[in-house]
Amino acid sequence: MSLRPATLARSMGWLPLSTLVLSILGLVDSSYQCYADLTGTGLAGCSTRADACVVVQHSAEAYIFGIPVAVFGVVFYVFMVAICSPQAWRARPRAVHRARLAAAIIGMGFVLYLIYAELVEVGEICPYCTSVHVITFLLFSLIVFQASAPSAKDQRV
């Protein structure tokens, strides 16, 4: 059964829809950063070497095992889009719900490391990176909220 976009939003509920939208936004943002880094085109609005974006994205902390951090962001958000899809939210196995929670916790831990690296080691804050950090935090908050909510069977007396 195919649902039109307007009915899809109503059928999903606000929480699954919000996590899907945030995951897509995170994927778009991290994909843009990855594209700009791998092609050397630079990010929009960050043209000089002194810009915070350029300083952060060309620092040693922007690479893990020689791989740009943005690549890890793309991989994370591809997984999050899949696990926050309507089909994944409707899945009954607890493994799907636990995988979503585990991914959100790992993503938030990685964001905390990146914020530390930006503030302490690099001394600059990249607005593009910060937008991904905020999206990850919101996604983490919603998924933890869902995981901590009582289930329907817990509410029966």
Protein backbone atom coordinates (compact mmCIF):
# COMPACT_ATOMS: atom_id res chain seq x y z
CA MET A 1 0.00 0.00 0.00
CA SER A 2 1.55 3.30 -1.01
CA LEU A 3 0.91 6.40 1.03
CA ARG A 4 1.03 9.92 -0.29
CA PRO A 5 3.43 12.27 1.56
CA ALA A 6 0.60 14.03 3.42
CA THR A 7 -0.86 10.78 4.74
CA LEU A 8 2.60 9.35 5.43
CA ALA A 9 3.27 12.09 7.96
CA ARG A 10 -0.01 11.40 9.78
CA SER A 11 0.48 7.63 9.74
CA MET A 12 4.03 7.78 11.14
CA GLY A 13 3.47 10.03 14.12
CA TRP A 14 5.57 13.04 15.07
CA LEU A 15 8.52 11.22 16.65
CA PRO A 16 9.39 8.80 13.83
CA LEU A 17 8.80 11.53 11.24
CA SER A 18 11.04 13.95 13.17
CA THR A 19 13.86 11.43 13.42
CA LEU A 20 13.61 10.67 9.71
CA VAL A 21 13.69 14.37 8.77
CA LEU A 22 16.64 15.02 11.09
CA SER A 23 18.49 12.02 9.65
CA ILE A 24 17.95 13.28 6.11
CA LEU A 25 19.11 16.79 7.07
CA GLY A 26 22.20 15.31 8.73
CA LEU A 27 22.90 13.24 5.62
CA VAL A 28 22.60 16.27 3.33
CA ASP A 29 24.85 18.41 5.56
CA SER A 30 27.53 15.77 6.09
CA SER A 31 27.42 14.79 2.39
CA TYR A 32 28.02 18.40 1.41
CA GLN A 33 30.96 18.65 3.81
CA CYS A 34 32.34 15.35 2.50
CA TYR A 35 31.98 16.50 -1.12
CA ALA A 36 33.67 19.83 -0.39
CA ASP A 37 36.51 18.11 1.45
CA LEU A 38 37.14 15.36 -1.10
CA THR A 39 36.93 17.66 -4.14
CA GLY A 40 38.80 20.56 -2.54
CA THR A 41 36.09 23.02 -3.59
CA GLY A 42 35.63 24.44 -0.12
CA LEU A 43 32.42 25.17 1.74
CA ALA A 44 30.14 28.03 0.76
CA GLY A 45 30.96 31.12 2.79
CA CYS A 46 34.35 29.77 3.86
CA SER A 47 36.76 31.07 1.28
CA THR A 48 39.88 32.21 3.06
CA ARG A 49 42.44 30.17 4.94
CA ALA A 50 41.60 32.06 8.15
CA ASP A 51 37.92 31.02 8.13
CA ALA A 52 36.97 28.73 11.00
CA CYS A 53 35.56 26.14 8.55
CA VAL A 54 38.84 25.90 6.67
CA VAL A 55 40.93 25.78 9.84
CA VAL A 56 38.79 23.04 11.42
CA GLN A 57 38.38 20.92 8.29
CA HIS A 58 42.09 20.96 7.48
CA SER A 59 43.29 20.29 11.02
CA ALA A 60 44.80 16.98 12.08
CA GLU A 61 41.68 16.35 14.18
CA ALA A 62 39.51 16.36 11.02
CA TYR A 63 40.96 12.98 10.02
CA ILE A 64 40.75 9.59 11.71
CA PHE A 65 43.06 6.92 10.27
CA GLY A 66 43.58 9.26 7.31
CA ILE A 67 39.84 9.35 6.55
CA PRO A 68 38.02 12.71 6.73
CA VAL A 69 35.57 12.88 9.63
CA ALA A 70 32.87 13.93 7.15
CA VAL A 71 33.01 10.45 5.59
CA PHE A 72 32.14 8.95 8.98
CA GLY A 73 29.26 11.44 9.18
CA VAL A 74 27.90 10.29 5.83
CA VAL A 75 28.12 6.63 6.86
CA PHE A 76 26.41 7.40 10.18
CA TYR A 77 23.58 9.32 8.57
CA VAL A 78 23.01 6.74 5.81
CA PHE A 79 22.52 4.20 8.60
CA MET A 80 20.29 6.60 10.56
CA VAL A 81 18.07 7.28 7.52
CA ALA A 82 17.64 3.53 7.08
CA ILE A 83 16.98 2.81 10.76
CA CYS A 84 14.64 5.81 11.13
CA SER A 85 12.64 4.95 8.02
CA PRO A 86 8.92 4.20 8.41
CA GLN A 87 9.59 0.48 7.90
CA ALA A 88 12.22 0.42 10.64
CA TRP A 89 9.96 2.24 13.11
CA ARG A 90 7.18 -0.27 12.44
CA ALA A 91 9.51 -3.21 12.96
CA ARG A 92 8.68 -5.31 15.98
CA PRO A 93 12.08 -6.77 16.85
CA ARG A 94 13.71 -5.11 19.79
CA ALA A 95 17.01 -5.40 17.94
CA VAL A 96 15.96 -2.62 15.54
CA HIS A 97 15.03 -0.31 18.40
CA ARG A 98 18.21 -1.14 20.29
CA ALA A 99 20.33 -0.59 17.18
CA ARG A 100 18.75 2.85 16.74
CA LEU A 101 19.49 3.73 20.37
CA ALA A 102 23.05 2.37 20.20
CA ALA A 103 23.75 4.32 16.99
CA ALA A 104 22.40 7.52 18.56
CA ILE A 105 24.59 7.05 21.64
CA ILE A 106 27.69 6.32 19.54
CA GLY A 107 26.93 9.32 17.30
CA MET A 108 26.53 11.61 20.30
CA GLY A 109 29.78 10.34 21.81
CA PHE A 110 31.57 11.07 18.55
CA VAL A 111 30.04 14.56 18.48
CA LEU A 112 31.28 15.24 22.01
CA TYR A 113 34.80 14.25 20.91
CA LEU A 114 34.53 16.53 17.85
CA ILE A 115 33.31 19.47 19.94
CA TYR A 116 36.25 18.92 22.29
CA ALA A 117 38.64 18.82 19.32
CA GLU A 118 37.19 22.03 17.88
CA LEU A 119 37.22 23.96 21.14
CA VAL A 120 40.35 22.71 22.86
CA GLU A 121 42.73 21.37 20.22
CA VAL A 122 41.90 23.52 17.18
CA GLY A 123 40.49 26.60 18.91
CA GLU A 124 37.92 27.31 16.17
CA ILE A 125 34.26 26.44 15.69
CA CYS A 126 33.05 25.46 12.22
CA PRO A 127 29.40 26.46 11.62
CA TYR A 128 28.86 23.55 9.22
CA CYS A 129 30.19 21.09 11.79
CA THR A 130 28.09 22.70 14.50
CA SER A 131 24.94 22.22 12.42
CA VAL A 132 25.68 18.48 12.19
CA HIS A 133 26.38 18.42 15.93
CA VAL A 134 23.02 20.07 16.69
CA ILE A 135 21.18 17.66 14.37
CA THR A 136 22.90 14.69 16.04
CA PHE A 137 22.01 16.02 19.50
CA LEU A 138 18.35 16.48 18.54
CA LEU A 139 18.25 13.01 17.00
CA PHE A 140 19.89 11.55 20.12
CA SER A 141 17.37 13.33 22.36
CA LEU A 142 14.36 12.08 20.42
CA ILE A 143 15.60 8.50 20.27
CA VAL A 144 16.43 8.43 23.99
CA PHE A 145 13.00 9.95 24.69
CA GLN A 146 11.35 7.17 22.69
CA ALA A 147 13.48 4.47 24.33
CA SER A 148 12.65 5.71 27.82
CA ALA A 149 8.90 6.03 27.20
CA PRO A 150 6.79 3.31 28.75
CA SER A 151 5.53 0.75 26.26
CA ALA A 152 1.82 0.11 25.71
CA LYS A 153 1.98 -3.10 27.74
CA ASP A 154 3.63 -1.24 30.67
CA GLN A 155 0.71 1.21 30.76
CA ARG A 156 -1.93 -1.53 31.13
CA VAL A 157 -3.10 -2.03 34.69
